[in-house]
Structure formats: structure tokens, C-alpha cells
Amino acid sequence: MSTIEPVREQQRKGELSPEQARIIGRDLIQRMSFPDGLGSNYLFMGSYSGEALTLPYNPPREGTQWDLVDASARTSSPS
């Protein structure tokens, strides 16, 4: 994602720690909103394992694991 690429580059150069890069990247993503005819939309991100990475409407859930349900309605709980 080009928005956070400068942050990733600073981390690669050792100018930012991984944790600093994560905080800055999360802040950049959380500020992204996209207005349309129904109001303001936002960008949220999760990992393949079900972890909420950025969640503008519910920041306390960030970094937590979600119960997963696949297309066949099978559930998996976090390990």
C-alpha cells in the first residue's frame, strides 16, 4: 500500500522500530475515510488468522482475535 510505504522504508533503514512503524502505519490507515452518498466509509484491516489490525469504529478490539466462520459455516476459535 503506497500510503504506508514511506513508513516501511524508514523501518527497513532502521530509522523506526517495528513497533513505531506499526503505530504510525495504523494511525495513517485509521484516518482514511471515503465519503459516498450514504455518508463516510472507513478502511479496516484484519489478518488471515482473524486478528483485527485496524478497526476505526472499535479501537479496543484492535489486536484481538475474532471468531472465524468460513463459507460453509464452520467456526474456528482462536488458538
N, C-alpha and C. Protein backbone atom coordinates (compact mmCIF):
# COMPACT_ATOMS: atom_id res chain seq x y z
N MET A 1 0.85 -1.16 0.00
CA MET A 1 0.00 0.00 0.00
C MET A 1 0.90 1.23 0.00
N SER A 2 0.75 2.11 -0.96
CA SER A 2 1.66 3.24 -1.12
C SER A 2 1.58 4.24 0.02
N THR A 3 0.47 4.29 0.74
CA THR A 3 0.33 5.24 1.84
C THR A 3 1.30 4.95 2.97
N ILE A 4 1.54 3.68 3.23
CA ILE A 4 2.44 3.33 4.34
C ILE A 4 3.84 2.94 3.88
N GLU A 5 4.08 2.95 2.58
CA GLU A 5 5.40 2.56 2.07
C GLU A 5 6.53 3.42 2.65
N PRO A 6 6.36 4.74 2.78
CA PRO A 6 7.45 5.53 3.40
C PRO A 6 7.77 5.08 4.83
N VAL A 7 6.75 4.67 5.56
CA VAL A 7 6.96 4.19 6.93
C VAL A 7 7.72 2.86 6.90
N ARG A 8 7.33 1.99 5.99
CA ARG A 8 8.03 0.71 5.85
C ARG A 8 9.49 0.92 5.46
N GLU A 9 9.74 1.89 4.59
CA GLU A 9 11.10 2.19 4.17
C GLU A 9 11.93 2.69 5.36
N GLN A 10 11.35 3.55 6.18
CA GLN A 10 12.06 4.03 7.38
C GLN A 10 12.38 2.87 8.32
N GLN A 11 11.46 1.91 8.42
CA GLN A 11 11.73 0.75 9.27
C GLN A 11 12.87 -0.08 8.67
N ARG A 12 12.84 -0.29 7.37
CA ARG A 12 13.91 -1.06 6.71
C ARG A 12 15.28 -0.42 6.94
N LYS A 13 15.31 0.92 6.94
CA LYS A 13 16.58 1.64 7.14
C LYS A 13 16.99 1.69 8.61
N GLY A 14 16.15 1.20 9.50
CA GLY A 14 16.46 1.23 10.93
C GLY A 14 16.13 2.54 11.60
N GLU A 15 15.43 3.43 10.89
CA GLU A 15 15.06 4.73 11.45
C GLU A 15 13.86 4.61 12.39
N LEU A 16 13.07 3.55 12.23
CA LEU A 16 11.92 3.29 13.09
C LEU A 16 11.98 1.84 13.55
N SER A 17 11.57 1.60 14.78
CA SER A 17 11.46 0.22 15.25
C SER A 17 10.19 -0.39 14.65
N PRO A 18 10.07 -1.72 14.64
CA PRO A 18 8.84 -2.33 14.15
C PRO A 18 7.60 -1.80 14.88
N GLU A 19 7.70 -1.61 16.18
CA GLU A 19 6.55 -1.12 16.95
C GLU A 19 6.20 0.32 16.55
N GLN A 20 7.21 1.18 16.37
CA GLN A 20 6.94 2.55 15.93
C GLN A 20 6.29 2.56 14.55
N ALA A 21 6.79 1.73 13.64
CA ALA A 21 6.22 1.65 12.30
C ALA A 21 4.78 1.17 12.35
N ARG A 22 4.49 0.20 13.21
CA ARG A 22 3.13 -0.32 13.36
C ARG A 22 2.18 0.78 13.85
N ILE A 23 2.62 1.55 14.82
CA ILE A 23 1.78 2.63 15.38
C ILE A 23 1.51 3.70 14.33
N ILE A 24 2.56 4.12 13.63
CA ILE A 24 2.40 5.16 12.60
C ILE A 24 1.54 4.65 11.45
N GLY A 25 1.79 3.43 11.00
CA GLY A 25 1.00 2.85 9.91
C GLY A 25 -0.46 2.70 10.30
N ARG A 26 -0.73 2.24 11.51
CA ARG A 26 -2.11 2.11 11.98
C ARG A 26 -2.80 3.46 11.99
N ASP A 27 -2.10 4.49 12.46
CA ASP A 27 -2.70 5.84 12.50
C ASP A 27 -3.02 6.33 11.09
N LEU A 28 -2.11 6.12 10.15
CA LEU A 28 -2.37 6.54 8.77
C LEU A 28 -3.60 5.85 8.19
N ILE A 29 -3.70 4.55 8.40
CA ILE A 29 -4.83 3.79 7.87
C ILE A 29 -6.14 4.19 8.54
N GLN A 30 -6.11 4.42 9.84
CA GLN A 30 -7.34 4.79 10.55
C GLN A 30 -7.89 6.13 10.10
N ARG A 31 -7.03 6.99 9.60
CA ARG A 31 -7.51 8.31 9.16
C ARG A 31 -8.09 8.29 7.76
N MET A 32 -8.01 7.15 7.08
CA MET A 32 -8.57 7.06 5.73
C MET A 32 -10.09 6.91 5.82
N SER A 33 -10.79 7.83 5.21
CA SER A 33 -12.25 7.70 5.12
C SER A 33 -12.66 8.10 3.71
N PHE A 34 -13.75 7.53 3.27
CA PHE A 34 -14.18 7.69 1.90
C PHE A 34 -15.66 8.07 1.88
N PRO A 35 -15.98 9.33 1.65
CA PRO A 35 -17.39 9.72 1.64
C PRO A 35 -18.10 9.23 0.37
N ASP A 36 -19.33 8.83 0.52
CA ASP A 36 -20.17 8.50 -0.63
C ASP A 36 -21.57 9.03 -0.34
N GLY A 37 -22.53 8.65 -1.13
CA GLY A 37 -23.89 9.16 -0.99
C GLY A 37 -24.55 8.81 0.33
N LEU A 38 -24.06 7.80 1.02
CA LEU A 38 -24.66 7.38 2.29
C LEU A 38 -23.93 7.89 3.51
N GLY A 39 -22.81 8.54 3.32
CA GLY A 39 -22.04 9.04 4.45
C GLY A 39 -20.58 8.69 4.30
N SER A 40 -19.89 8.66 5.42
CA SER A 40 -18.46 8.40 5.42
C SER A 40 -18.20 6.91 5.65
N ASN A 41 -17.37 6.33 4.82
CA ASN A 41 -16.92 4.95 4.99
C ASN A 41 -15.50 4.98 5.52
N TYR A 42 -15.00 3.87 5.98
CA TYR A 42 -13.65 3.81 6.52
C TYR A 42 -12.98 2.52 6.08
N LEU A 43 -11.69 2.48 6.23
CA LEU A 43 -10.90 1.31 5.88
C LEU A 43 -10.57 0.56 7.17
N PHE A 44 -10.79 -0.73 7.19
CA PHE A 44 -10.33 -1.53 8.31
C PHE A 44 -9.54 -2.70 7.76
N MET A 45 -8.68 -3.27 8.59
CA MET A 45 -7.82 -4.35 8.13
C MET A 45 -7.77 -5.45 9.17
N GLY A 46 -7.69 -6.67 8.68
CA GLY A 46 -7.53 -7.83 9.55
C GLY A 46 -6.52 -8.79 8.94
N SER A 47 -6.01 -9.67 9.76
CA SER A 47 -5.06 -10.66 9.28
C SER A 47 -5.80 -11.92 8.83
N TYR A 48 -5.10 -12.78 8.11
CA TYR A 48 -5.70 -14.05 7.69
C TYR A 48 -6.09 -14.92 8.88
N SER A 49 -5.44 -14.72 10.00
CA SER A 49 -5.75 -15.53 11.18
C SER A 49 -6.91 -14.96 12.00
N GLY A 50 -7.46 -13.83 11.55
CA GLY A 50 -8.62 -13.27 12.23
C GLY A 50 -8.32 -12.18 13.24
N GLU A 51 -7.11 -11.67 13.25
CA GLU A 51 -6.75 -10.59 14.18
C GLU A 51 -7.15 -9.25 13.57
N ALA A 52 -7.83 -8.42 14.36
CA ALA A 52 -8.19 -7.07 13.91
C ALA A 52 -6.95 -6.20 13.99
N LEU A 53 -6.49 -5.69 12.84
CA LEU A 53 -5.29 -4.86 12.81
C LEU A 53 -5.63 -3.38 12.98
N THR A 54 -6.57 -2.89 12.23
CA THR A 54 -7.07 -1.53 12.42
C THR A 54 -8.59 -1.59 12.34
N LEU A 55 -9.24 -0.93 13.26
CA LEU A 55 -10.69 -1.00 13.37
C LEU A 55 -11.19 0.35 13.87
N PRO A 56 -11.32 1.35 12.98
CA PRO A 56 -11.64 2.71 13.42
C PRO A 56 -12.91 2.83 14.27
N TYR A 57 -13.92 2.01 14.01
CA TYR A 57 -15.16 2.14 14.77
C TYR A 57 -15.10 1.46 16.13
N ASN A 58 -14.06 0.67 16.39
CA ASN A 58 -13.96 -0.03 17.67
C ASN A 58 -12.50 -0.28 18.04
N PRO A 59 -11.74 0.79 18.32
CA PRO A 59 -10.31 0.64 18.61
C PRO A 59 -9.97 -0.37 19.71
N PRO A 60 -10.80 -0.55 20.75
CA PRO A 60 -10.41 -1.55 21.76
C PRO A 60 -10.30 -2.98 21.22
N ARG A 61 -10.93 -3.28 20.09
CA ARG A 61 -10.85 -4.62 19.50
C ARG A 61 -9.57 -4.83 18.70
N GLU A 62 -8.83 -3.76 18.42
CA GLU A 62 -7.59 -3.91 17.66
C GLU A 62 -6.63 -4.81 18.40
N GLY A 63 -6.00 -5.69 17.67
CA GLY A 63 -5.05 -6.61 18.27
C GLY A 63 -5.70 -7.83 18.90
N THR A 64 -7.03 -7.93 18.84
CA THR A 64 -7.72 -9.09 19.39
C THR A 64 -8.08 -10.05 18.28
N GLN A 65 -8.35 -11.26 18.66
CA GLN A 65 -8.71 -12.31 17.72
C GLN A 65 -10.22 -12.39 17.59
N TRP A 66 -10.69 -12.57 16.38
CA TRP A 66 -12.13 -12.71 16.12
C TRP A 66 -12.45 -14.17 15.93
N ASP A 67 -13.65 -14.58 16.31
CA ASP A 67 -14.11 -15.93 15.98
C ASP A 67 -14.31 -15.97 14.48
N LEU A 68 -13.81 -17.01 13.85
CA LEU A 68 -13.86 -17.11 12.40
C LEU A 68 -14.95 -18.06 11.95
N VAL A 69 -15.65 -17.69 10.89
CA VAL A 69 -16.66 -18.55 10.28
C VAL A 69 -16.38 -18.58 8.79
N ASP A 70 -16.20 -19.78 8.23
CA ASP A 70 -15.92 -19.84 6.80
C ASP A 70 -17.22 -19.92 6.00
N ALA A 71 -17.10 -20.02 4.67
CA ALA A 71 -18.26 -20.00 3.79
C ALA A 71 -19.19 -21.20 4.01
N SER A 72 -18.69 -22.27 4.63
CA SER A 72 -19.51 -23.44 4.94
C SER A 72 -20.08 -23.39 6.35
N ALA A 73 -19.96 -22.25 7.00
CA ALA A 73 -20.46 -22.02 8.37
C ALA A 73 -19.68 -22.82 9.42
N ARG A 74 -18.46 -23.24 9.07
CA ARG A 74 -17.61 -23.89 10.08
C ARG A 74 -16.93 -22.79 10.88
N THR A 75 -16.87 -22.97 12.16
CA THR A 75 -16.25 -21.97 13.02
C THR A 75 -14.90 -22.47 13.51
N SER A 76 -14.06 -21.53 13.82
CA SER A 76 -12.79 -21.88 14.45
C SER A 76 -12.52 -20.82 15.49
N SER A 77 -12.13 -21.26 16.63
CA SER A 77 -11.81 -20.35 17.72
C SER A 77 -10.33 -20.07 17.69
N PRO A 78 -9.94 -18.91 18.20
CA PRO A 78 -8.50 -18.58 18.24
C PRO A 78 -7.75 -19.59 19.07
N SER A 79 -6.52 -19.87 18.70
CA SER A 79 -5.69 -20.82 19.45
C SER A 79 -5.17 -20.17 20.69
